[in-house]
PDB file of N, CA and C in Angstrom:
ATOM      1  N   MET A   1     -35.439 -11.642  -4.579  1.00  0.00           N
ATOM      2  CA  MET A   1     -34.644 -10.445  -4.797  1.00  0.00           C
ATOM      3  C   MET A   1     -33.878 -10.635  -6.117  1.00  0.00           C
ATOM      4  N   SER A   2     -33.961  -9.636  -6.981  1.00  0.00           N
ATOM      5  CA  SER A   2     -33.293  -9.728  -8.272  1.00  0.00           C
ATOM      6  C   SER A   2     -31.798  -9.507  -8.114  1.00  0.00           C
ATOM      7  N   ALA A   3     -31.032  -9.871  -9.146  1.00  0.00           N
ATOM      8  CA  ALA A   3     -29.571  -9.707  -9.110  1.00  0.00           C
ATOM      9  C   ALA A   3     -29.187  -8.240  -8.999  1.00  0.00           C
ATOM     10  N   ALA A   4     -29.959  -7.364  -9.653  1.00  0.00           N
ATOM     11  CA  ALA A   4     -29.656  -5.925  -9.604  1.00  0.00           C
ATOM     12  C   ALA A   4     -29.823  -5.387  -8.188  1.00  0.00           C
ATOM     13  N   VAL A   5     -30.882  -5.808  -7.509  1.00  0.00           N
ATOM     14  CA  VAL A   5     -31.112  -5.355  -6.141  1.00  0.00           C
ATOM     15  C   VAL A   5     -30.036  -5.910  -5.220  1.00  0.00           C
ATOM     16  N   ALA A   6     -29.661  -7.170  -5.429  1.00  0.00           N
ATOM     17  CA  ALA A   6     -28.606  -7.776  -4.612  1.00  0.00           C
ATOM     18  C   ALA A   6     -27.289  -7.037  -4.808  1.00  0.00           C
ATOM     19  N   ALA A   7     -26.987  -6.643  -6.044  1.00  0.00           N
ATOM     20  CA  ALA A   7     -25.746  -5.914  -6.325  1.00  0.00           C
ATOM     21  C   ALA A   7     -25.746  -4.554  -5.636  1.00  0.00           C
ATOM     22  N   LEU A   8     -26.901  -3.926  -5.540  1.00  0.00           N
ATOM     23  CA  LEU A   8     -26.984  -2.615  -4.897  1.00  0.00           C
ATOM     24  C   LEU A   8     -26.890  -2.705  -3.382  1.00  0.00           C
ATOM     25  N   SER A   9     -27.148  -3.887  -2.812  1.00  0.00           N
ATOM     26  CA  SER A   9     -27.100  -4.005  -1.361  1.00  0.00           C
ATOM     27  C   SER A   9     -25.667  -3.953  -0.832  1.00  0.00           C
ATOM     28  N   GLU A  10     -24.692  -4.253  -1.672  1.00  0.00           N
ATOM     29  CA  GLU A  10     -23.282  -4.170  -1.278  1.00  0.00           C
ATOM     30  C   GLU A  10     -22.665  -2.958  -1.970  1.00  0.00           C
ATOM     31  N   PRO A  11     -22.196  -1.987  -1.202  1.00  0.00           N
ATOM     32  CA  PRO A  11     -21.674  -0.768  -1.825  1.00  0.00           C
ATOM     33  C   PRO A  11     -20.433  -1.036  -2.674  1.00  0.00           C
ATOM     34  N   GLU A  12     -20.289  -0.254  -3.717  1.00  0.00           N
ATOM     35  CA  GLU A  12     -19.142  -0.382  -4.623  1.00  0.00           C
ATOM     36  C   GLU A  12     -17.894   0.278  -4.059  1.00  0.00           C
ATOM     37  N   THR A  13     -18.059   1.089  -3.019  1.00  0.00           N
ATOM     38  CA  THR A  13     -16.914   1.780  -2.432  1.00  0.00           C
ATOM     39  C   THR A  13     -16.876   1.549  -0.929  1.00  0.00           C
ATOM     40  N   LEU A  14     -15.685   1.744  -0.378  1.00  0.00           N
ATOM     41  CA  LEU A  14     -15.465   1.657   1.059  1.00  0.00           C
ATOM     42  C   LEU A  14     -14.916   2.994   1.535  1.00  0.00           C
ATOM     43  N   SER A  15     -15.156   3.297   2.787  1.00  0.00           N
ATOM     44  CA  SER A  15     -14.491   4.453   3.369  1.00  0.00           C
ATOM     45  C   SER A  15     -13.024   4.075   3.584  1.00  0.00           C
ATOM     46  N   VAL A  16     -12.188   5.047   3.819  1.00  0.00           N
ATOM     47  CA  VAL A  16     -10.775   4.759   4.083  1.00  0.00           C
ATOM     48  C   VAL A  16     -10.654   3.932   5.367  1.00  0.00           C
ATOM     49  N   ASP A  17     -11.485   4.216   6.362  1.00  0.00           N
ATOM     50  CA  ASP A  17     -11.472   3.427   7.604  1.00  0.00           C
ATOM     51  C   ASP A  17     -11.815   1.965   7.331  1.00  0.00           C
ATOM     52  N   GLU A  18     -12.843   1.723   6.497  1.00  0.00           N
ATOM     53  CA  GLU A  18     -13.232   0.350   6.164  1.00  0.00           C
ATOM     54  C   GLU A  18     -12.116  -0.351   5.394  1.00  0.00           C
ATOM     55  N   ALA A  19     -11.504   0.366   4.452  1.00  0.00           N
ATOM     56  CA  ALA A  19     -10.397  -0.210   3.681  1.00  0.00           C
ATOM     57  C   ALA A  19      -9.233  -0.552   4.604  1.00  0.00           C
ATOM     58  N   ALA A  20      -8.972   0.297   5.588  1.00  0.00           N
ATOM     59  CA  ALA A  20      -7.899   0.029   6.552  1.00  0.00           C
ATOM     60  C   ALA A  20      -8.166  -1.266   7.298  1.00  0.00           C
ATOM     61  N   ARG A  21      -9.412  -1.486   7.715  1.00  0.00           N
ATOM     62  CA  ARG A  21      -9.754  -2.734   8.414  1.00  0.00           C
ATOM     63  C   ARG A  21      -9.576  -3.944   7.504  1.00  0.00           C
ATOM     64  N   VAL A  22      -9.980  -3.824   6.238  1.00  0.00           N
ATOM     65  CA  VAL A  22      -9.809  -4.920   5.282  1.00  0.00           C
ATOM     66  C   VAL A  22      -8.326  -5.251   5.114  1.00  0.00           C
ATOM     67  N   LEU A  23      -7.500  -4.218   5.046  1.00  0.00           N
ATOM     68  CA  LEU A  23      -6.064  -4.399   4.828  1.00  0.00           C
ATOM     69  C   LEU A  23      -5.307  -4.751   6.108  1.00  0.00           C
ATOM     70  N   GLY A  24      -5.953  -4.558   7.247  1.00  0.00           N
ATOM     71  CA  GLY A  24      -5.287  -4.842   8.516  1.00  0.00           C
ATOM     72  C   GLY A  24      -4.242  -3.806   8.885  1.00  0.00           C
ATOM     73  N   ILE A  25      -4.491  -2.561   8.486  1.00  0.00           N
ATOM     74  CA  ILE A  25      -3.574  -1.473   8.819  1.00  0.00           C
ATOM     75  C   ILE A  25      -4.341  -0.407   9.598  1.00  0.00           C
ATOM     76  N   GLY A  26      -3.629   0.527  10.174  1.00  0.00           N
ATOM     77  CA  GLY A  26      -4.256   1.595  10.933  1.00  0.00           C
ATOM     78  C   GLY A  26      -4.877   2.647  10.038  1.00  0.00           C
ATOM     79  N   ARG A  27      -5.758   3.426  10.647  1.00  0.00           N
ATOM     80  CA  ARG A  27      -6.460   4.488   9.930  1.00  0.00           C
ATOM     81  C   ARG A  27      -5.486   5.502   9.347  1.00  0.00           C
ATOM     82  N   ASN A  28      -4.539   5.980  10.154  1.00  0.00           N
ATOM     83  CA  ASN A  28      -3.584   6.974   9.664  1.00  0.00           C
ATOM     84  C   ASN A  28      -2.730   6.410   8.536  1.00  0.00           C
ATOM     85  N   GLY A  29      -2.291   5.169   8.683  1.00  0.00           N
ATOM     86  CA  GLY A  29      -1.502   4.532   7.632  1.00  0.00           C
ATOM     87  C   GLY A  29      -2.276   4.420   6.334  1.00  0.00           C
ATOM     88  N   ALA A  30      -3.585   4.154   6.443  1.00  0.00           N
ATOM     89  CA  ALA A  30      -4.422   4.053   5.240  1.00  0.00           C
ATOM     90  C   ALA A  30      -4.531   5.409   4.549  1.00  0.00           C
ATOM     91  N   TYR A  31      -4.751   6.469   5.334  1.00  0.00           N
ATOM     92  CA  TYR A  31      -4.827   7.806   4.719  1.00  0.00           C
ATOM     93  C   TYR A  31      -3.495   8.194   4.084  1.00  0.00           C
ATOM     94  N   GLU A  32      -2.390   7.824   4.715  1.00  0.00           N
ATOM     95  CA  GLU A  32      -1.078   8.125   4.133  1.00  0.00           C
ATOM     96  C   GLU A  32      -0.874   7.335   2.839  1.00  0.00           C
ATOM     97  N   ALA A  33      -1.306   6.074   2.820  1.00  0.00           N
ATOM     98  CA  ALA A  33      -1.181   5.257   1.611  1.00  0.00           C
ATOM     99  C   ALA A  33      -2.056   5.807   0.490  1.00  0.00           C
ATOM    100  N   VAL A  34      -3.230   6.329   0.823  1.00  0.00           N
ATOM    101  CA  VAL A  34      -4.088   6.974  -0.180  1.00  0.00           C
ATOM    102  C   VAL A  34      -3.372   8.195  -0.747  1.00  0.00           C
ATOM    103  N   ALA A  35      -2.771   8.998   0.117  1.00  0.00           N
ATOM    104  CA  ALA A  35      -2.070  10.210  -0.332  1.00  0.00           C
ATOM    105  C   ALA A  35      -0.899   9.864  -1.239  1.00  0.00           C
ATOM    106  N   ARG A  36      -0.220   8.729  -0.968  1.00  0.00           N
ATOM    107  CA  ARG A  36       0.915   8.296  -1.800  1.00  0.00           C
ATOM    108  C   ARG A  36       0.462   7.586  -3.073  1.00  0.00           C
ATOM    109  N   GLY A  37      -0.827   7.291  -3.178  1.00  0.00           N
ATOM    110  CA  GLY A  37      -1.342   6.595  -4.351  1.00  0.00           C
ATOM    111  C   GLY A  37      -1.211   5.090  -4.258  1.00  0.00           C
ATOM    112  N   GLU A  38      -0.884   4.563  -3.091  1.00  0.00           N
ATOM    113  CA  GLU A  38      -0.731   3.117  -2.915  1.00  0.00           C
ATOM    114  C   GLU A  38      -2.076   2.408  -2.757  1.00  0.00           C
ATOM    115  N   ILE A  39      -3.072   3.123  -2.288  1.00  0.00           N
ATOM    116  CA  ILE A  39      -4.432   2.613  -2.206  1.00  0.00           C
ATOM    117  C   ILE A  39      -5.257   3.427  -3.191  1.00  0.00           C
ATOM    118  N   PRO A  40      -5.941   2.767  -4.129  1.00  0.00           N
ATOM    119  CA  PRO A  40      -6.746   3.507  -5.105  1.00  0.00           C
ATOM    120  C   PRO A  40      -7.884   4.236  -4.395  1.00  0.00           C
ATOM    121  N   SER A  41      -8.174   5.437  -4.839  1.00  0.00           N
ATOM    122  CA  SER A  41      -9.230   6.210  -4.181  1.00  0.00           C
ATOM    123  C   SER A  41      -9.855   7.196  -5.153  1.00  0.00           C
ATOM    124  N   ILE A  42     -11.051   7.613  -4.799  1.00  0.00           N
ATOM    125  CA  ILE A  42     -11.729   8.690  -5.517  1.00  0.00           C
ATOM    126  C   ILE A  42     -12.231   9.673  -4.476  1.00  0.00           C
ATOM    127  N   ARG A  43     -12.287  10.929  -4.852  1.00  0.00           N
ATOM    128  CA  ARG A  43     -12.770  11.959  -3.936  1.00  0.00           C
ATOM    129  C   ARG A  43     -14.105  12.465  -4.481  1.00  0.00           C
ATOM    130  N   ILE A  44     -15.094  12.447  -3.608  1.00  0.00           N
ATOM    131  CA  ILE A  44     -16.405  12.998  -3.939  1.00  0.00           C
ATOM    132  C   ILE A  44     -16.717  14.016  -2.854  1.00  0.00           C
ATOM    133  N   GLY A  45     -16.635  15.275  -3.226  1.00  0.00           N
ATOM    134  CA  GLY A  45     -16.776  16.324  -2.225  1.00  0.00           C
ATOM    135  C   GLY A  45     -15.632  16.223  -1.235  1.00  0.00           C
ATOM    136  N   LYS A  46     -15.960  16.142   0.044  1.00  0.00           N
ATOM    137  CA  LYS A  46     -14.930  16.014   1.073  1.00  0.00           C
ATOM    138  C   LYS A  46     -14.606  14.557   1.384  1.00  0.00           C
ATOM    139  N   ARG A  47     -15.394  13.646   0.854  1.00  0.00           N
ATOM    140  CA  ARG A  47     -15.201  12.221   1.171  1.00  0.00           C
ATOM    141  C   ARG A  47     -14.165  11.589   0.264  1.00  0.00           C
ATOM    142  N   ILE A  48     -13.366  10.719   0.843  1.00  0.00           N
ATOM    143  CA  ILE A  48     -12.419   9.907   0.082  1.00  0.00           C
ATOM    144  C   ILE A  48     -12.949   8.486   0.138  1.00  0.00           C
ATOM    145  N   LEU A  49     -13.182   7.902  -1.025  1.00  0.00           N
ATOM    146  CA  LEU A  49     -13.732   6.560  -1.108  1.00  0.00           C
ATOM    147  C   LEU A  49     -12.761   5.641  -1.831  1.00  0.00           C
ATOM    148  N   VAL A  50     -12.755   4.386  -1.431  1.00  0.00           N
ATOM    149  CA  VAL A  50     -11.891   3.382  -2.043  1.00  0.00           C
ATOM    150  C   VAL A  50     -12.784   2.428  -2.831  1.00  0.00           C
ATOM    151  N   PRO A  51     -12.602   2.356  -4.158  1.00  0.00           N
ATOM    152  CA  PRO A  51     -13.405   1.427  -4.954  1.00  0.00           C
ATOM    153  C   PRO A  51     -13.135  -0.021  -4.524  1.00  0.00           C
ATOM    154  N   ARG A  52     -14.194  -0.734  -4.152  1.00  0.00           N
ATOM    155  CA  ARG A  52     -14.077  -2.107  -3.658  1.00  0.00           C
ATOM    156  C   ARG A  52     -13.370  -3.006  -4.674  1.00  0.00           C
ATOM    157  N   ARG A  53     -13.756  -2.925  -5.929  1.00  0.00           N
ATOM    158  CA  ARG A  53     -13.187  -3.797  -6.965  1.00  0.00           C
ATOM    159  C   ARG A  53     -11.678  -3.568  -7.116  1.00  0.00           C
ATOM    160  N   GLN A  54     -11.252  -2.304  -7.121  1.00  0.00           N
ATOM    161  CA  GLN A  54      -9.821  -2.002  -7.261  1.00  0.00           C
ATOM    162  C   GLN A  54      -9.039  -2.450  -6.037  1.00  0.00           C
ATOM    163  N   LEU A  55      -9.641  -2.337  -4.855  1.00  0.00           N
ATOM    164  CA  LEU A  55      -8.967  -2.792  -3.644  1.00  0.00           C
ATOM    165  C   LEU A  55      -8.773  -4.310  -3.687  1.00  0.00           C
ATOM    166  N   LEU A  56      -9.803  -5.034  -4.131  1.00  0.00           N
ATOM    167  CA  LEU A  56      -9.691  -6.491  -4.235  1.00  0.00           C
ATOM    168  C   LEU A  56      -8.655  -6.891  -5.280  1.00  0.00           C
ATOM    169  N   GLU A  57      -8.601  -6.157  -6.390  1.00  0.00           N
ATOM    170  CA  GLU A  57      -7.576  -6.420  -7.416  1.00  0.00           C
ATOM    171  C   GLU A  57      -6.182  -6.187  -6.856  1.00  0.00           C
ATOM    172  N   LEU A  58      -6.035  -5.142  -6.051  1.00  0.00           N
ATOM    173  CA  LEU A  58      -4.754  -4.836  -5.420  1.00  0.00           C
ATOM    174  C   LEU A  58      -4.322  -5.988  -4.519  1.00  0.00           C
ATOM    175  N   LEU A  59      -5.269  -6.545  -3.772  1.00  0.00           N
ATOM    176  CA  LEU A  59      -4.955  -7.655  -2.872  1.00  0.00           C
ATOM    177  C   LEU A  59      -4.633  -8.938  -3.634  1.00  0.00           C
ATOM    178  N   ASP A  60      -5.248  -9.120  -4.802  1.00  0.00           N
ATOM    179  CA  ASP A  60      -5.013 -10.329  -5.591  1.00  0.00           C
ATOM    180  C   ASP A  60      -3.770 -10.252  -6.462  1.00  0.00           C
ATOM    181  N   ALA A  61      -3.260  -9.038  -6.698  1.00  0.00           N
ATOM    182  CA  ALA A  61      -2.108  -8.852  -7.590  1.00  0.00           C
ATOM    183  C   ALA A  61      -0.856  -9.453  -6.968  1.00  0.00           C
ATOM    184  N   PRO A  62      -0.011 -10.094  -7.803  1.00  0.00           N
ATOM    185  CA  PRO A  62       1.256 -10.595  -7.268  1.00  0.00           C
ATOM    186  C   PRO A  62       2.109  -9.427  -6.781  1.00  0.00           C
ATOM    187  N   GLN A  63       2.713  -9.604  -5.628  1.00  0.00           N
ATOM    188  CA  GLN A  63       3.510  -8.538  -5.028  1.00  0.00           C
ATOM    189  C   GLN A  63       4.939  -8.610  -5.527  1.00  0.00           C
ATOM    190  N   LYS A  64       5.531  -7.446  -5.772  1.00  0.00           N
ATOM    191  CA  LYS A  64       6.943  -7.370  -6.119  1.00  0.00           C
ATOM    192  C   LYS A  64       7.737  -7.700  -4.863  1.00  0.00           C
ATOM    193  N   SER A  65       8.753  -8.522  -5.003  1.00  0.00           N
ATOM    194  CA  SER A  65       9.581  -8.778  -3.825  1.00  0.00           C
ATOM    195  C   SER A  65      10.573  -7.637  -3.702  1.00  0.00           C
ATOM    196  N   ALA A  66      10.503  -6.988  -2.586  1.00  0.00           N
ATOM    197  CA  ALA A  66      11.383  -5.849  -2.340  1.00  0.00           C
ATOM    198  C   ALA A  66      12.248  -6.163  -1.139  1.00  0.00           C
ATOM    199  N   GLU A  67      13.480  -5.714  -1.215  1.00  0.00           N
ATOM    200  CA  GLU A  67      14.353  -5.873  -0.067  1.00  0.00           C
ATOM    201  C   GLU A  67      13.910  -4.896   1.006  1.00  0.00           C
ATOM    202  N   PRO A  68      14.004  -5.278   2.255  1.00  0.00           N
ATOM    203  CA  PRO A  68      13.609  -4.345   3.308  1.00  0.00           C
ATOM    204  C   PRO A  68      14.481  -3.097   3.290  1.00  0.00           C
ATOM    205  N   ALA A  69      13.864  -1.986   3.612  1.00  0.00           N
ATOM    206  CA  ALA A  69      14.592  -0.720   3.638  1.00  0.00           C
ATOM    207  C   ALA A  69      15.630  -0.745   4.746  1.00  0.00           C
ATOM    208  N   VAL A  70      16.789  -0.210   4.444  1.00  0.00           N
ATOM    209  CA  VAL A  70      17.861  -0.123   5.433  1.00  0.00           C
ATOM    210  C   VAL A  70      18.043   1.348   5.760  1.00  0.00           C
ATOM    211  N   THR A  71      17.917   1.671   7.044  1.00  0.00           N
ATOM    212  CA  THR A  71      18.018   3.071   7.441  1.00  0.00           C
ATOM    213  C   THR A  71      18.957   3.217   8.621  1.00  0.00           C
ATOM    214  N   GLY A  72      19.288   4.455   8.916  1.00  0.00           N
ATOM    215  CA  GLY A  72      20.071   4.766  10.106  1.00  0.00           C
ATOM    216  C   GLY A  72      21.488   4.246  10.056  1.00  0.00           C
ATOM    217  N   SER A  73      22.016   3.870  11.234  1.00  0.00           N
ATOM    218  CA  SER A  73      23.414   3.453  11.332  1.00  0.00           C
ATOM    219  C   SER A  73      23.668   2.163  10.564  1.00  0.00           C
ATOM    220  N   LYS A  74      22.645   1.306  10.448  1.00  0.00           N
ATOM    221  CA  LYS A  74      22.815   0.077   9.677  1.00  0.00           C
ATOM    222  C   LYS A  74      23.081   0.408   8.210  1.00  0.00           C
ATOM    223  N   ALA A  75      22.413   1.439   7.699  1.00  0.00           N
ATOM    224  CA  ALA A  75      22.639   1.860   6.317  1.00  0.00           C
ATOM    225  C   ALA A  75      24.061   2.334   6.132  1.00  0.00           C
ATOM    226  N   LEU A  76      24.566   3.083   7.100  1.00  0.00           N
ATOM    227  CA  LEU A  76      25.945   3.568   7.002  1.00  0.00           C
ATOM    228  C   LEU A  76      26.929   2.407   7.025  1.00  0.00           C
ATOM    229  N   ARG A  77      26.680   1.405   7.889  1.00  0.00           N
ATOM    230  CA  ARG A  77      27.560   0.228   7.923  1.00  0.00           C
ATOM    231  C   ARG A  77      27.507  -0.526   6.607  1.00  0.00           C
ATOM    232  N   THR A  78      26.320  -0.643   6.029  1.00  0.00           N
ATOM    233  CA  THR A  78      26.166  -1.351   4.755  1.00  0.00           C
ATOM    234  C   THR A  78      26.934  -0.638   3.655  1.00  0.00           C
ATOM    235  N   ILE A  79      26.841   0.687   3.603  1.00  0.00           N
ATOM    236  CA  ILE A  79      27.575   1.465   2.605  1.00  0.00           C
ATOM    237  C   ILE A  79      29.071   1.317   2.843  1.00  0.00           C
ATOM    238  N   SER A  80      29.478   1.415   4.083  1.00  0.00           N
ATOM    239  CA  SER A  80      30.888   1.285   4.423  1.00  0.00           C
ATOM    240  C   SER A  80      31.423  -0.090   4.047  1.00  0.00           C
ATOM    241  N   ASP A  81      30.660  -1.149   4.329  1.00  0.00           N
ATOM    242  CA  ASP A  81      31.064  -2.508   3.976  1.00  0.00           C
ATOM    243  C   ASP A  81      31.206  -2.664   2.462  1.00  0.00           C
ATOM    244  N   ALA A  82      30.271  -2.071   1.720  1.00  0.00           N
ATOM    245  CA  ALA A  82      30.331  -2.164   0.262  1.00  0.00           C
ATOM    246  C   ALA A  82      31.558  -1.445  -0.274  1.00  0.00           C
ATOM    247  N   GLU A  83      31.861  -0.281   0.292  1.00  0.00           N
ATOM    248  CA  GLU A  83      33.043   0.458  -0.154  1.00  0.00           C
ATOM    249  C   GLU A  83      34.312  -0.310   0.169  1.00  0.00           C
ATOM    250  N   SER A  84      34.382  -0.944   1.337  1.00  0.00           N
ATOM    251  CA  SER A  84      35.545  -1.722   1.729  1.00  0.00           C
ATOM    252  C   SER A  84      35.770  -2.890   0.784  1.00  0.00           C
ATOM    253  N   SER A  85      34.699  -3.563   0.395  1.00  0.00           N
ATOM    254  CA  SER A  85      34.862  -4.708  -0.496  1.00  0.00           C
ATOM    255  C   SER A  85      35.293  -4.250  -1.882  1.00  0.00           C
ATOM    256  N   GLU A  86      34.855  -3.036  -2.317  1.00  0.00           N
ATOM    257  CA  GLU A  86      35.296  -2.502  -3.593  1.00  0.00           C
ATOM    258  C   GLU A  86      36.778  -2.170  -3.532  1.00  0.00           C
ATOM    259  N   ASP A  87      37.237  -1.614  -2.408  1.00  0.00           N
ATOM    260  CA  ASP A  87      38.646  -1.280  -2.238  1.00  0.00           C
ATOM    261  C   ASP A  87      39.514  -2.552  -2.303  1.00  0.00           C
ATOM    262  N   ARG A  88      39.032  -3.627  -1.680  1.00  0.00           N
ATOM    263  CA  ARG A  88      39.799  -4.873  -1.689  1.00  0.00           C
ATOM    264  C   ARG A  88      39.891  -5.448  -3.097  1.00  0.00           C
ATOM    265  N   ARG A  89      38.802  -5.313  -3.880  1.00  0.00           N
ATOM    266  CA  ARG A  89      38.847  -5.830  -5.256  1.00  0.00           C
ATOM    267  C   ARG A  89      39.786  -5.012  -6.133  1.00  0.00           C
ATOM    268  N   ALA A  90      39.904  -3.715  -5.856  1.00  0.00           N
ATOM    269  CA  ALA A  90      40.750  -2.835  -6.661  1.00  0.00           C
ATOM    270  C   ALA A  90      42.226  -3.095  -6.446  1.00  0.00           C
ATOM    271  N   THR A  91      42.593  -3.683  -5.311  1.00  0.00           N
ATOM    272  CA  THR A  91      44.024  -3.910  -5.029  1.00  0.00           C
ATOM    273  C   THR A  91      44.443  -5.318  -5.352  1.00  0.00           C
TER     274      THR A  91
END
């Protein structure tokens, strides 16, 4: 089998479902990430495809360290604590 034939045996794109399995996330989460632009994708007709090479590059890229999102009542306490410490510094 020639190299060209071998290259054609592995598709260059994945379905969103296949990409979700590779990433270890759910199907709905994968579609939402595609919509947000977090997973690279191309649309051909009604199909949404994920380029295999770009997905692998995404997985190999160094990740930005982000602080976990703070929501709800914990966010309010965090804001309140920050304001209190600013008040103490001002006096």
